[in-house]
PDB file of N, CA and C in Angstrom:
ATOM      1  N   MET A   1      56.041 -62.945  88.541  1.00  0.00           N
ATOM      2  CA  MET A   1      57.494 -63.007  88.458  1.00  0.00           C
ATOM      3  C   MET A   1      58.062 -63.282  89.841  1.00  0.00           C
ATOM      4  N   ASP A   2      59.007 -64.153  89.898  1.00  0.00           N
ATOM      5  CA  ASP A   2      59.664 -64.500  91.152  1.00  0.00           C
ATOM      6  C   ASP A   2      60.898 -63.613  91.329  1.00  0.00           C
ATOM      7  N   LEU A   3      60.884 -62.785  92.346  1.00  0.00           N
ATOM      8  CA  LEU A   3      61.991 -61.863  92.578  1.00  0.00           C
ATOM      9  C   LEU A   3      63.081 -62.454  93.466  1.00  0.00           C
ATOM     10  N   SER A   4      62.890 -63.672  93.935  1.00  0.00           N
ATOM     11  CA  SER A   4      63.844 -64.266  94.876  1.00  0.00           C
ATOM     12  C   SER A   4      65.234 -64.474  94.271  1.00  0.00           C
ATOM     13  N   SER A   5      65.338 -64.487  92.973  1.00  0.00           N
ATOM     14  CA  SER A   5      66.649 -64.681  92.346  1.00  0.00           C
ATOM     15  C   SER A   5      67.440 -63.370  92.240  1.00  0.00           C
ATOM     16  N   TYR A   6      66.823 -62.260  92.617  1.00  0.00           N
ATOM     17  CA  TYR A   6      67.486 -60.963  92.536  1.00  0.00           C
ATOM     18  C   TYR A   6      67.987 -60.534  93.907  1.00  0.00           C
ATOM     19  N   SER A   7      69.198 -60.035  93.945  1.00  0.00           N
ATOM     20  CA  SER A   7      69.730 -59.506  95.201  1.00  0.00           C
ATOM     21  C   SER A   7      69.167 -58.099  95.423  1.00  0.00           C
ATOM     22  N   GLY A   8      69.286 -57.651  96.636  1.00  0.00           N
ATOM     23  CA  GLY A   8      68.855 -56.288  96.950  1.00  0.00           C
ATOM     24  C   GLY A   8      69.624 -55.267  96.144  1.00  0.00           C
ATOM     25  N   ARG A   9      70.885 -55.549  95.939  1.00  0.00           N
ATOM     26  CA  ARG A   9      71.735 -54.642  95.164  1.00  0.00           C
ATOM     27  C   ARG A   9      71.293 -54.578  93.703  1.00  0.00           C
ATOM     28  N   THR A  10      70.887 -55.713  93.160  1.00  0.00           N
ATOM     29  CA  THR A  10      70.407 -55.753  91.781  1.00  0.00           C
ATOM     30  C   THR A  10      69.099 -54.984  91.651  1.00  0.00           C
ATOM     31  N   LEU A  11      68.197 -55.187  92.604  1.00  0.00           N
ATOM     32  CA  LEU A  11      66.933 -54.444  92.589  1.00  0.00           C
ATOM     33  C   LEU A  11      67.195 -52.944  92.687  1.00  0.00           C
ATOM     34  N   ALA A  12      68.143 -52.555  93.542  1.00  0.00           N
ATOM     35  CA  ALA A  12      68.475 -51.141  93.709  1.00  0.00           C
ATOM     36  C   ALA A  12      69.109 -50.566  92.442  1.00  0.00           C
ATOM     37  N   PHE A  13      69.947 -51.354  91.788  1.00  0.00           N
ATOM     38  CA  PHE A  13      70.574 -50.927  90.535  1.00  0.00           C
ATOM     39  C   PHE A  13      69.498 -50.547  89.517  1.00  0.00           C
ATOM     40  N   LEU A  14      68.509 -51.399  89.383  1.00  0.00           N
ATOM     41  CA  LEU A  14      67.417 -51.117  88.460  1.00  0.00           C
ATOM     42  C   LEU A  14      66.554 -49.969  88.979  1.00  0.00           C
ATOM     43  N   GLY A  15      66.264 -49.989  90.269  1.00  0.00           N
ATOM     44  CA  GLY A  15      65.420 -48.951  90.862  1.00  0.00           C
ATOM     45  C   GLY A  15      65.995 -47.557  90.710  1.00  0.00           C
ATOM     46  N   ASP A  16      67.318 -47.452  90.756  1.00  0.00           N
ATOM     47  CA  ASP A  16      67.972 -46.160  90.560  1.00  0.00           C
ATOM     48  C   ASP A  16      67.624 -45.589  89.187  1.00  0.00           C
ATOM     49  N   ALA A  17      67.692 -46.418  88.173  1.00  0.00           N
ATOM     50  CA  ALA A  17      67.371 -45.978  86.812  1.00  0.00           C
ATOM     51  C   ALA A  17      65.881 -45.669  86.668  1.00  0.00           C
ATOM     52  N   VAL A  18      65.040 -46.494  87.269  1.00  0.00           N
ATOM     53  CA  VAL A  18      63.590 -46.300  87.206  1.00  0.00           C
ATOM     54  C   VAL A  18      63.216 -44.959  87.836  1.00  0.00           C
ATOM     55  N   TRP A  19      63.780 -44.693  89.026  1.00  0.00           N
ATOM     56  CA  TRP A  19      63.458 -43.461  89.736  1.00  0.00           C
ATOM     57  C   TRP A  19      63.964 -42.237  88.957  1.00  0.00           C
ATOM     58  N   SER A  20      65.162 -42.321  88.440  1.00  0.00           N
ATOM     59  CA  SER A  20      65.721 -41.219  87.674  1.00  0.00           C
ATOM     60  C   SER A  20      64.851 -40.903  86.459  1.00  0.00           C
ATOM     61  N   LEU A  21      64.422 -41.928  85.768  1.00  0.00           N
ATOM     62  CA  LEU A  21      63.571 -41.723  84.602  1.00  0.00           C
ATOM     63  C   LEU A  21      62.214 -41.140  85.002  1.00  0.00           C
ATOM     64  N   GLU A  22      61.629 -41.641  86.074  1.00  0.00           N
ATOM     65  CA  GLU A  22      60.335 -41.122  86.553  1.00  0.00           C
ATOM     66  C   GLU A  22      60.447 -39.639  86.890  1.00  0.00           C
ATOM     67  N   VAL A  23      61.491 -39.283  87.607  1.00  0.00           N
ATOM     68  CA  VAL A  23      61.706 -37.888  88.004  1.00  0.00           C
ATOM     69  C   VAL A  23      61.912 -37.007  86.782  1.00  0.00           C
ATOM     70  N   ARG A  24      62.806 -37.409  85.918  1.00  0.00           N
ATOM     71  CA  ARG A  24      63.121 -36.591  84.747  1.00  0.00           C
ATOM     72  C   ARG A  24      61.919 -36.442  83.826  1.00  0.00           C
ATOM     73  N   ASN A  25      61.214 -37.525  83.601  1.00  0.00           N
ATOM     74  CA  ASN A  25      60.030 -37.468  82.747  1.00  0.00           C
ATOM     75  C   ASN A  25      58.991 -36.515  83.344  1.00  0.00           C
ATOM     76  N   SER A  26      58.753 -36.612  84.633  1.00  0.00           N
ATOM     77  CA  SER A  26      57.753 -35.758  85.280  1.00  0.00           C
ATOM     78  C   SER A  26      58.153 -34.292  85.244  1.00  0.00           C
ATOM     79  N   LEU A  27      59.415 -34.013  85.475  1.00  0.00           N
ATOM     80  CA  LEU A  27      59.871 -32.623  85.416  1.00  0.00           C
ATOM     81  C   LEU A  27      59.687 -32.039  84.021  1.00  0.00           C
ATOM     82  N   LEU A  28      60.001 -32.843  83.002  1.00  0.00           N
ATOM     83  CA  LEU A  28      59.811 -32.373  81.631  1.00  0.00           C
ATOM     84  C   LEU A  28      58.340 -32.157  81.317  1.00  0.00           C
ATOM     85  N   MET A  29      57.499 -33.097  81.744  1.00  0.00           N
ATOM     86  CA  MET A  29      56.059 -32.988  81.478  1.00  0.00           C
ATOM     87  C   MET A  29      55.455 -31.771  82.173  1.00  0.00           C
ATOM     88  N   ASP A  30      56.040 -31.387  83.309  1.00  0.00           N
ATOM     89  CA  ASP A  30      55.559 -30.224  84.057  1.00  0.00           C
ATOM     90  C   ASP A  30      56.145 -28.918  83.542  1.00  0.00           C
ATOM     91  N   GLY A  31      57.005 -28.993  82.541  1.00  0.00           N
ATOM     92  CA  GLY A  31      57.628 -27.792  81.999  1.00  0.00           C
ATOM     93  C   GLY A  31      58.550 -27.112  82.994  1.00  0.00           C
ATOM     94  N   GLN A  32      59.326 -27.874  83.700  1.00  0.00           N
ATOM     95  CA  GLN A  32      60.155 -27.368  84.797  1.00  0.00           C
ATOM     96  C   GLN A  32      61.484 -26.762  84.358  1.00  0.00           C
ATOM     97  N   GLY A  33      61.564 -26.144  83.244  1.00  0.00           N
ATOM     98  CA  GLY A  33      62.799 -25.469  82.872  1.00  0.00           C
ATOM     99  C   GLY A  33      63.620 -26.227  81.853  1.00  0.00           C
ATOM    100  N   GLN A  34      64.871 -25.799  81.756  1.00  0.00           N
ATOM    101  CA  GLN A  34      65.749 -26.379  80.759  1.00  0.00           C
ATOM    102  C   GLN A  34      67.095 -26.728  81.366  1.00  0.00           C
ATOM    103  N   GLY A  35      67.794 -27.636  80.710  1.00  0.00           N
ATOM    104  CA  GLY A  35      69.170 -27.983  80.995  1.00  0.00           C
ATOM    105  C   GLY A  35      69.603 -27.971  82.443  1.00  0.00           C
ATOM    106  N   LYS A  36      70.367 -26.939  82.803  1.00  0.00           N
ATOM    107  CA  LYS A  36      70.966 -26.831  84.122  1.00  0.00           C
ATOM    108  C   LYS A  36      69.903 -26.814  85.226  1.00  0.00           C
ATOM    109  N   ILE A  37      68.793 -26.149  84.979  1.00  0.00           N
ATOM    110  CA  ILE A  37      67.710 -26.071  85.969  1.00  0.00           C
ATOM    111  C   ILE A  37      67.098 -27.450  86.174  1.00  0.00           C
ATOM    112  N   LEU A  38      66.868 -28.170  85.093  1.00  0.00           N
ATOM    113  CA  LEU A  38      66.322 -29.526  85.194  1.00  0.00           C
ATOM    114  C   LEU A  38      67.255 -30.436  85.981  1.00  0.00           C
ATOM    115  N   GLN A  39      68.545 -30.329  85.722  1.00  0.00           N
ATOM    116  CA  GLN A  39      69.513 -31.168  86.422  1.00  0.00           C
ATOM    117  C   GLN A  39      69.481 -30.878  87.922  1.00  0.00           C
ATOM    118  N   LYS A  40      69.444 -29.613  88.281  1.00  0.00           N
ATOM    119  CA  LYS A  40      69.418 -29.223  89.693  1.00  0.00           C
ATOM    120  C   LYS A  40      68.147 -29.737  90.373  1.00  0.00           C
ATOM    121  N   LYS A  41      67.012 -29.592  89.700  1.00  0.00           N
ATOM    122  CA  LYS A  41      65.754 -30.077  90.269  1.00  0.00           C
ATOM    123  C   LYS A  41      65.748 -31.593  90.391  1.00  0.00           C
ATOM    124  N   SER A  42      66.294 -32.285  89.389  1.00  0.00           N
ATOM    125  CA  SER A  42      66.282 -33.749  89.445  1.00  0.00           C
ATOM    126  C   SER A  42      67.151 -34.249  90.593  1.00  0.00           C
ATOM    127  N   ILE A  43      68.263 -33.588  90.855  1.00  0.00           N
ATOM    128  CA  ILE A  43      69.143 -33.999  91.947  1.00  0.00           C
ATOM    129  C   ILE A  43      68.407 -33.929  93.287  1.00  0.00           C
ATOM    130  N   SER A  44      67.502 -32.968  93.419  1.00  0.00           N
ATOM    131  CA  SER A  44      66.774 -32.843  94.682  1.00  0.00           C
ATOM    132  C   SER A  44      65.840 -34.031  94.929  1.00  0.00           C
ATOM    133  N   TYR A  45      65.633 -34.867  93.919  1.00  0.00           N
ATOM    134  CA  TYR A  45      64.810 -36.067  94.062  1.00  0.00           C
ATOM    135  C   TYR A  45      65.607 -37.370  93.973  1.00  0.00           C
ATOM    136  N   VAL A  46      66.740 -37.343  93.279  1.00  0.00           N
ATOM    137  CA  VAL A  46      67.463 -38.596  93.042  1.00  0.00           C
ATOM    138  C   VAL A  46      68.709 -38.778  93.900  1.00  0.00           C
ATOM    139  N   SER A  47      69.090 -37.777  94.668  1.00  0.00           N
ATOM    140  CA  SER A  47      70.280 -37.926  95.520  1.00  0.00           C
ATOM    141  C   SER A  47      69.997 -38.941  96.629  1.00  0.00           C
ATOM    142  N   ALA A  48      71.051 -39.539  97.138  1.00  0.00           N
ATOM    143  CA  ALA A  48      70.901 -40.516  98.228  1.00  0.00           C
ATOM    144  C   ALA A  48      70.227 -39.874  99.434  1.00  0.00           C
ATOM    145  N   LYS A  49      70.610 -38.649  99.744  1.00  0.00           N
ATOM    146  CA  LYS A  49      70.016 -37.954 100.884  1.00  0.00           C
ATOM    147  C   LYS A  49      68.517 -37.760 100.695  1.00  0.00           C
ATOM    148  N   ALA A  50      68.119 -37.333  99.519  1.00  0.00           N
ATOM    149  CA  ALA A  50      66.694 -37.130  99.232  1.00  0.00           C
ATOM    150  C   ALA A  50      65.930 -38.449  99.303  1.00  0.00           C
ATOM    151  N   GLN A  51      66.477 -39.497  98.698  1.00  0.00           N
ATOM    152  CA  GLN A  51      65.795 -40.787  98.699  1.00  0.00           C
ATOM    153  C   GLN A  51      65.650 -41.336 100.115  1.00  0.00           C
ATOM    154  N   ALA A  52      66.671 -41.167 100.943  1.00  0.00           N
ATOM    155  CA  ALA A  52      66.591 -41.624 102.334  1.00  0.00           C
ATOM    156  C   ALA A  52      65.499 -40.864 103.078  1.00  0.00           C
ATOM    157  N   GLN A  53      65.404 -39.574 102.845  1.00  0.00           N
ATOM    158  CA  GLN A  53      64.364 -38.765 103.481  1.00  0.00           C
ATOM    159  C   GLN A  53      62.977 -39.185 103.000  1.00  0.00           C
ATOM    160  N   PHE A  54      62.842 -39.447 101.715  1.00  0.00           N
ATOM    161  CA  PHE A  54      61.552 -39.887 101.177  1.00  0.00           C
ATOM    162  C   PHE A  54      61.133 -41.193 101.834  1.00  0.00           C
ATOM    163  N   TYR A  55      62.088 -42.136 101.886  1.00  0.00           N
ATOM    164  CA  TYR A  55      61.752 -43.411 102.498  1.00  0.00           C
ATOM    165  C   TYR A  55      61.317 -43.204 103.949  1.00  0.00           C
ATOM    166  N   GLU A  56      62.083 -42.461 104.705  1.00  0.00           N
ATOM    167  CA  GLU A  56      61.794 -42.265 106.127  1.00  0.00           C
ATOM    168  C   GLU A  56      60.398 -41.673 106.331  1.00  0.00           C
ATOM    169  N   GLN A  57      60.065 -40.665 105.565  1.00  0.00           N
ATOM    170  CA  GLN A  57      58.751 -40.027 105.706  1.00  0.00           C
ATOM    171  C   GLN A  57      57.625 -40.989 105.314  1.00  0.00           C
ATOM    172  N   LEU A  58      57.781 -41.666 104.192  1.00  0.00           N
ATOM    173  CA  LEU A  58      56.749 -42.606 103.747  1.00  0.00           C
ATOM    174  C   LEU A  58      56.621 -43.766 104.733  1.00  0.00           C
ATOM    175  N   HIS A  59      57.730 -44.237 105.239  1.00  0.00           N
ATOM    176  CA  HIS A  59      57.725 -45.325 106.222  1.00  0.00           C
ATOM    177  C   HIS A  59      56.964 -44.898 107.485  1.00  0.00           C
ATOM    178  N   GLN A  60      57.259 -43.703 107.969  1.00  0.00           N
ATOM    179  CA  GLN A  60      56.584 -43.198 109.170  1.00  0.00           C
ATOM    180  C   GLN A  60      55.073 -43.063 108.966  1.00  0.00           C
ATOM    181  N   GLU A  61      54.670 -42.782 107.749  1.00  0.00           N
ATOM    182  CA  GLU A  61      53.242 -42.660 107.432  1.00  0.00           C
ATOM    183  C   GLU A  61      52.585 -44.021 107.206  1.00  0.00           C
ATOM    184  N   GLY A  62      53.371 -45.090 107.198  1.00  0.00           N
ATOM    185  CA  GLY A  62      52.830 -46.419 106.929  1.00  0.00           C
ATOM    186  C   GLY A  62      52.420 -46.601 105.484  1.00  0.00           C
ATOM    187  N   PHE A  63      53.091 -45.898 104.593  1.00  0.00           N
ATOM    188  CA  PHE A  63      52.744 -45.894 103.176  1.00  0.00           C
ATOM    189  C   PHE A  63      53.078 -47.203 102.473  1.00  0.00           C
ATOM    190  N   PHE A  64      54.163 -47.842 102.886  1.00  0.00           N
ATOM    191  CA  PHE A  64      54.622 -49.042 102.196  1.00  0.00           C
ATOM    192  C   PHE A  64      53.944 -50.297 102.731  1.00  0.00           C
ATOM    193  N   SER A  65      53.719 -51.228 101.819  1.00  0.00           N
ATOM    194  CA  SER A  65      53.168 -52.532 102.197  1.00  0.00           C
ATOM    195  C   SER A  65      54.257 -53.354 102.892  1.00  0.00           C
ATOM    196  N   GLU A  66      53.869 -54.443 103.498  1.00  0.00           N
ATOM    197  CA  GLU A  66      54.835 -55.340 104.136  1.00  0.00           C
ATOM    198  C   GLU A  66      55.831 -55.878 103.103  1.00  0.00           C
ATOM    199  N   GLU A  67      55.331 -56.217 101.945  1.00  0.00           N
ATOM    200  CA  GLU A  67      56.201 -56.728 100.885  1.00  0.00           C
ATOM    201  C   GLU A  67      57.211 -55.662 100.446  1.00  0.00           C
ATOM    202  N   GLU A  68      56.764 -54.418 100.313  1.00  0.00           N
ATOM    203  CA  GLU A  68      57.669 -53.334  99.933  1.00  0.00           C
ATOM    204  C   GLU A  68      58.725 -53.097 101.017  1.00  0.00           C
ATOM    205  N   GLU A  69      58.299 -53.193 102.274  1.00  0.00           N
ATOM    206  CA  GLU A  69      59.257 -53.046 103.381  1.00  0.00           C
ATOM    207  C   GLU A  69      60.293 -54.174 103.347  1.00  0.00           C
ATOM    208  N   ASN A  70      59.892 -55.362 102.946  1.00  0.00           N
ATOM    209  CA  ASN A  70      60.844 -56.473 102.807  1.00  0.00           C
ATOM    210  C   ASN A  70      61.867 -56.187 101.710  1.00  0.00           C
ATOM    211  N   TRP A  71      61.406 -55.631 100.593  1.00  0.00           N
ATOM    212  CA  TRP A  71      62.328 -55.273  99.510  1.00  0.00           C
ATOM    213  C   TRP A  71      63.284 -54.183  99.992  1.00  0.00           C
ATOM    214  N   TYR A  72      62.749 -53.235 100.761  1.00  0.00           N
ATOM    215  CA  TYR A  72      63.593 -52.180 101.324  1.00  0.00           C
ATOM    216  C   TYR A  72      64.724 -52.791 102.155  1.00  0.00           C
ATOM    217  N   ARG A  73      64.359 -53.682 103.070  1.00  0.00           N
ATOM    218  CA  ARG A  73      65.372 -54.311 103.932  1.00  0.00           C
ATOM    219  C   ARG A  73      66.391 -55.107 103.115  1.00  0.00           C
ATOM    220  N   LEU A  74      65.906 -55.765 102.073  1.00  0.00           N
ATOM    221  CA  LEU A  74      66.800 -56.532 101.204  1.00  0.00           C
ATOM    222  C   LEU A  74      67.850 -55.612 100.579  1.00  0.00           C
ATOM    223  N   GLY A  75      67.420 -54.462 100.102  1.00  0.00           N
ATOM    224  CA  GLY A  75      68.359 -53.501  99.512  1.00  0.00           C
ATOM    225  C   GLY A  75      69.236 -52.837 100.546  1.00  0.00           C
ATOM    226  N   ARG A  76      68.656 -52.430 101.651  1.00  0.00           N
ATOM    227  CA  ARG A  76      69.401 -51.732 102.709  1.00  0.00           C
ATOM    228  C   ARG A  76      70.477 -52.617 103.319  1.00  0.00           C
ATOM    229  N   ASN A  77      70.166 -53.878 103.497  1.00  0.00           N
ATOM    230  CA  ASN A  77      71.082 -54.773 104.201  1.00  0.00           C
ATOM    231  C   ASN A  77      72.150 -55.394 103.321  1.00  0.00           C
ATOM    232  N   ASN A  78      72.094 -55.145 102.032  1.00  0.00           N
ATOM    233  CA  ASN A  78      73.078 -55.710 101.123  1.00  0.00           C
ATOM    234  C   ASN A  78      74.349 -54.876 101.198  1.00  0.00           C
ATOM    235  N   HIS A  79      75.419 -55.450 101.710  1.00  0.00           N
ATOM    236  CA  HIS A  79      76.686 -54.731 101.892  1.00  0.00           C
ATOM    237  C   HIS A  79      77.679 -55.185 100.841  1.00  0.00           C
ATOM    238  N   GLY A  80      77.575 -54.642  99.661  1.00  0.00           N
ATOM    239  CA  GLY A  80      78.452 -55.162  98.629  1.00  0.00           C
ATOM    240  C   GLY A  80      79.207 -54.114  97.850  1.00  0.00           C
ATOM    241  N   GLY A  81      79.447 -52.956  98.414  1.00  0.00           N
ATOM    242  CA  GLY A  81      80.160 -51.962  97.639  1.00  0.00           C
ATOM    243  C   GLY A  81      80.597 -50.802  98.499  1.00  0.00           C
ATOM    244  N   SER A  82      81.083 -49.801  97.844  1.00  0.00           N
ATOM    245  CA  SER A  82      81.539 -48.622  98.557  1.00  0.00           C
ATOM    246  C   SER A  82      80.423 -47.586  98.599  1.00  0.00           C
ATOM    247  N   THR A  83      80.590 -46.617  99.474  1.00  0.00           N
ATOM    248  CA  THR A  83      79.625 -45.522  99.556  1.00  0.00           C
ATOM    249  C   THR A  83      80.235 -44.283  98.921  1.00  0.00           C
ATOM    250  N   PRO A  84      79.395 -43.441  98.350  1.00  0.00           N
ATOM    251  CA  PRO A  84      79.914 -42.195  97.764  1.00  0.00           C
ATOM    252  C   PRO A  84      80.591 -41.325  98.830  1.00  0.00           C
ATOM    253  N   LYS A  85      81.506 -40.503  98.402  1.00  0.00           N
ATOM    254  CA  LYS A  85      82.252 -39.652  99.328  1.00  0.00           C
ATOM    255  C   LYS A  85      81.359 -38.668 100.081  1.00  0.00           C
ATOM    256  N   ASN A  86      80.302 -38.203  99.449  1.00  0.00           N
ATOM    257  CA  ASN A  86      79.472 -37.153 100.046  1.00  0.00           C
ATOM    258  C   ASN A  86      78.251 -37.688 100.810  1.00  0.00           C
ATOM    259  N   THR A  87      78.208 -38.986 101.080  1.00  0.00           N
ATOM    260  CA  THR A  87      77.058 -39.587 101.757  1.00  0.00           C
ATOM    261  C   THR A  87      77.530 -40.543 102.842  1.00  0.00           C
ATOM    262  N   ASP A  88      76.902 -40.442 104.017  1.00  0.00           N
ATOM    263  CA  ASP A  88      77.271 -41.371 105.077  1.00  0.00           C
ATOM    264  C   ASP A  88      76.653 -42.743 104.800  1.00  0.00           C
ATOM    265  N   VAL A  89      77.173 -43.759 105.460  1.00  0.00           N
ATOM    266  CA  VAL A  89      76.781 -45.148 105.206  1.00  0.00           C
ATOM    267  C   VAL A  89      75.293 -45.361 105.451  1.00  0.00           C
ATOM    268  N   GLN A  90      74.757 -44.836 106.546  1.00  0.00           N
ATOM    269  CA  GLN A  90      73.339 -45.042 106.859  1.00  0.00           C
ATOM    270  C   GLN A  90      72.430 -44.439 105.792  1.00  0.00           C
ATOM    271  N   THR A  91      72.731 -43.234 105.370  1.00  0.00           N
ATOM    272  CA  THR A  91      71.929 -42.579 104.329  1.00  0.00           C
ATOM    273  C   THR A  91      72.004 -43.359 103.030  1.00  0.00           C
ATOM    274  N   TYR A  92      73.202 -43.797 102.686  1.00  0.00           N
ATOM    275  CA  TYR A  92      73.392 -44.560 101.452  1.00  0.00           C
ATOM    276  C   TYR A  92      72.599 -45.860 101.482  1.00  0.00           C
ATOM    277  N   ARG A  93      72.633 -46.550 102.591  1.00  0.00           N
ATOM    278  CA  ARG A  93      71.894 -47.816 102.694  1.00  0.00           C
ATOM    279  C   ARG A  93      70.390 -47.593 102.645  1.00  0.00           C
ATOM    280  N   MET A  94      69.925 -46.522 103.270  1.00  0.00           N
ATOM    281  CA  MET A  94      68.488 -46.216 103.208  1.00  0.00           C
ATOM    282  C   MET A  94      68.063 -45.929 101.766  1.00  0.00           C
ATOM    283  N   SER A  95      68.876 -45.155 101.058  1.00  0.00           N
ATOM    284  CA  SER A  95      68.525 -44.849  99.672  1.00  0.00           C
ATOM    285  C   SER A  95      68.578 -46.100  98.801  1.00  0.00           C
ATOM    286  N   THR A  96      69.515 -46.992  99.088  1.00  0.00           N
ATOM    287  CA  THR A  96      69.596 -48.257  98.357  1.00  0.00           C
ATOM    288  C   THR A  96      68.348 -49.095  98.604  1.00  0.00           C
ATOM    289  N   GLY A  97      67.864 -49.096  99.839  1.00  0.00           N
ATOM    290  CA  GLY A  97      66.625 -49.798 100.146  1.00  0.00           C
ATOM    291  C   GLY A  97      65.437 -49.216  99.389  1.00  0.00           C
ATOM    292  N   PHE A  98      65.368 -47.890  99.344  1.00  0.00           N
ATOM    293  CA  PHE A  98      64.300 -47.201  98.603  1.00  0.00           C
ATOM    294  C   PHE A  98      64.342 -47.593  97.128  1.00  0.00           C
ATOM    295  N   GLU A  99      65.548 -47.594  96.564  1.00  0.00           N
ATOM    296  CA  GLU A  99      65.705 -47.975  95.159  1.00  0.00           C
ATOM    297  C   GLU A  99      65.334 -49.439  94.927  1.00  0.00           C
ATOM    298  N   ALA A 100      65.599 -50.298  95.901  1.00  0.00           N
ATOM    299  CA  ALA A 100      65.237 -51.717  95.763  1.00  0.00           C
ATOM    300  C   ALA A 100      63.720 -51.871  95.645  1.00  0.00           C
ATOM    301  N   ILE A 101      62.974 -51.084  96.396  1.00  0.00           N
ATOM    302  CA  ILE A 101      61.508 -51.107  96.278  1.00  0.00           C
ATOM    303  C   ILE A 101      61.114 -50.775  94.844  1.00  0.00           C
ATOM    304  N   LEU A 102      61.687 -49.726  94.313  1.00  0.00           N
ATOM    305  CA  LEU A 102      61.345 -49.275  92.959  1.00  0.00           C
ATOM    306  C   LEU A 102      61.733 -50.308  91.907  1.00  0.00           C
ATOM    307  N   GLY A 103      62.898 -50.933  92.080  1.00  0.00           N
ATOM    308  CA  GLY A 103      63.329 -51.967  91.136  1.00  0.00           C
ATOM    309  C   GLY A 103      62.398 -53.162  91.146  1.00  0.00           C
ATOM    310  N   ALA A 104      61.978 -53.576  92.341  1.00  0.00           N
ATOM    311  CA  ALA A 104      61.057 -54.710  92.448  1.00  0.00           C
ATOM    312  C   ALA A 104      59.717 -54.383  91.802  1.00  0.00           C
ATOM    313  N   LEU A 105      59.212 -53.194  92.083  1.00  0.00           N
ATOM    314  CA  LEU A 105      57.926 -52.786  91.490  1.00  0.00           C
ATOM    315  C   LEU A 105      58.012 -52.765  89.968  1.00  0.00           C
ATOM    316  N   TYR A 106      59.125 -52.284  89.455  1.00  0.00           N
ATOM    317  CA  TYR A 106      59.298 -52.239  88.009  1.00  0.00           C
ATOM    318  C   TYR A 106      59.315 -53.647  87.408  1.00  0.00           C
ATOM    319  N   LEU A 107      60.065 -54.544  88.031  1.00  0.00           N
ATOM    320  CA  LEU A 107      60.132 -55.915  87.516  1.00  0.00           C
ATOM    321  C   LEU A 107      58.765 -56.597  87.550  1.00  0.00           C
ATOM    322  N   LEU A 108      57.946 -56.215  88.509  1.00  0.00           N
ATOM    323  CA  LEU A 108      56.595 -56.777  88.609  1.00  0.00           C
ATOM    324  C   LEU A 108      55.609 -56.068  87.683  1.00  0.00           C
ATOM    325  N   GLY A 109      56.072 -55.045  86.988  1.00  0.00           N
ATOM    326  CA  GLY A 109      55.208 -54.309  86.066  1.00  0.00           C
ATOM    327  C   GLY A 109      54.239 -53.379  86.772  1.00  0.00           C
ATOM    328  N   ASN A 110      54.548 -52.995  87.997  1.00  0.00           N
ATOM    329  CA  ASN A 110      53.643 -52.160  88.776  1.00  0.00           C
ATOM    330  C   ASN A 110      54.033 -50.688  88.676  1.00  0.00           C
ATOM    331  N   GLU A 111      53.919 -50.166  87.488  1.00  0.00           N
ATOM    332  CA  GLU A 111      54.262 -48.768  87.254  1.00  0.00           C
ATOM    333  C   GLU A 111      53.274 -47.823  87.942  1.00  0.00           C
ATOM    334  N   THR A 112      52.053 -48.303  88.172  1.00  0.00           N
ATOM    335  CA  THR A 112      51.068 -47.490  88.890  1.00  0.00           C
ATOM    336  C   THR A 112      51.562 -47.185  90.298  1.00  0.00           C
ATOM    337  N   ARG A 113      52.134 -48.168  90.978  1.00  0.00           N
ATOM    338  CA  ARG A 113      52.632 -47.959  92.336  1.00  0.00           C
ATOM    339  C   ARG A 113      53.861 -47.044  92.328  1.00  0.00           C
ATOM    340  N   ILE A 114      54.706 -47.166  91.330  1.00  0.00           N
ATOM    341  CA  ILE A 114      55.858 -46.269  91.210  1.00  0.00           C
ATOM    342  C   ILE A 114      55.360 -44.838  91.090  1.00  0.00           C
ATOM    343  N   ARG A 115      54.333 -44.645  90.283  1.00  0.00           N
ATOM    344  CA  ARG A 115      53.741 -43.306  90.110  1.00  0.00           C
ATOM    345  C   ARG A 115      53.117 -42.812  91.415  1.00  0.00           C
ATOM    346  N   GLN A 116      52.491 -43.708  92.179  1.00  0.00           N
ATOM    347  CA  GLN A 116      51.928 -43.306  93.473  1.00  0.00           C
ATOM    348  C   GLN A 116      53.021 -42.822  94.418  1.00  0.00           C
ATOM    349  N   ILE A 117      54.156 -43.510  94.419  1.00  0.00           N
ATOM    350  CA  ILE A 117      55.280 -43.092  95.258  1.00  0.00           C
ATOM    351  C   ILE A 117      55.759 -41.712  94.813  1.00  0.00           C
ATOM    352  N   TRP A 118      55.920 -41.535  93.510  1.00  0.00           N
ATOM    353  CA  TRP A 118      56.358 -40.250  92.979  1.00  0.00           C
ATOM    354  C   TRP A 118      55.369 -39.134  93.335  1.00  0.00           C
ATOM    355  N   ASP A 119      54.099 -39.385  93.133  1.00  0.00           N
ATOM    356  CA  ASP A 119      53.080 -38.378  93.439  1.00  0.00           C
ATOM    357  C   ASP A 119      53.096 -37.990  94.908  1.00  0.00           C
ATOM    358  N   LYS A 120      53.319 -38.951  95.775  1.00  0.00           N
ATOM    359  CA  LYS A 120      53.376 -38.697  97.213  1.00  0.00           C
ATOM    360  C   LYS A 120      54.633 -37.890  97.566  1.00  0.00           C
ATOM    361  N   VAL A 121      55.760 -38.276  97.007  1.00  0.00           N
ATOM    362  CA  VAL A 121      57.028 -37.614  97.282  1.00  0.00           C
ATOM    363  C   VAL A 121      57.009 -36.149  96.826  1.00  0.00           C
ATOM    364  N   ARG A 122      56.345 -35.881  95.758  1.00  0.00           N
ATOM    365  CA  ARG A 122      56.285 -34.515  95.218  1.00  0.00           C
ATOM    366  C   ARG A 122      55.619 -33.544  96.182  1.00  0.00           C
ATOM    367  N   THR A 123      54.821 -34.055  97.095  1.00  0.00           N
ATOM    368  CA  THR A 123      54.122 -33.173  98.028  1.00  0.00           C
ATOM    369  C   THR A 123      54.975 -32.806  99.236  1.00  0.00           C
ATOM    370  N   PHE A 124      56.145 -33.403  99.393  1.00  0.00           N
ATOM    371  CA  PHE A 124      57.011 -33.118 100.552  1.00  0.00           C
ATOM    372  C   PHE A 124      57.724 -31.803 100.360  1.00  0.00           C
TER     373      PHE A 124
END
């Protein structure tokens, strides 16, 4: 699949949903509580602040491939919207880059790599 027709923002849009589903599914499979508890736990993985921290740690470890880092930059550098009130611009852009990686992996059908990212993040 050729991803060149997708903007970083589009990849991030999809990646946001992919990551949310991965987190929620894993929490349920692990028996991590009910309702309000699940929501609180999921936020600790899907918030912009959490995603920016995950990216930073994985990046420092050299976890991402060159291609994944390119997708990150594509998402991070796309300036096409507003930022949430509770997140600074840098954190928001980093999380958007992280989501762009996930969106690209999903479009390529690489769910194994998405799971590897999730498994790694869970250890932080």
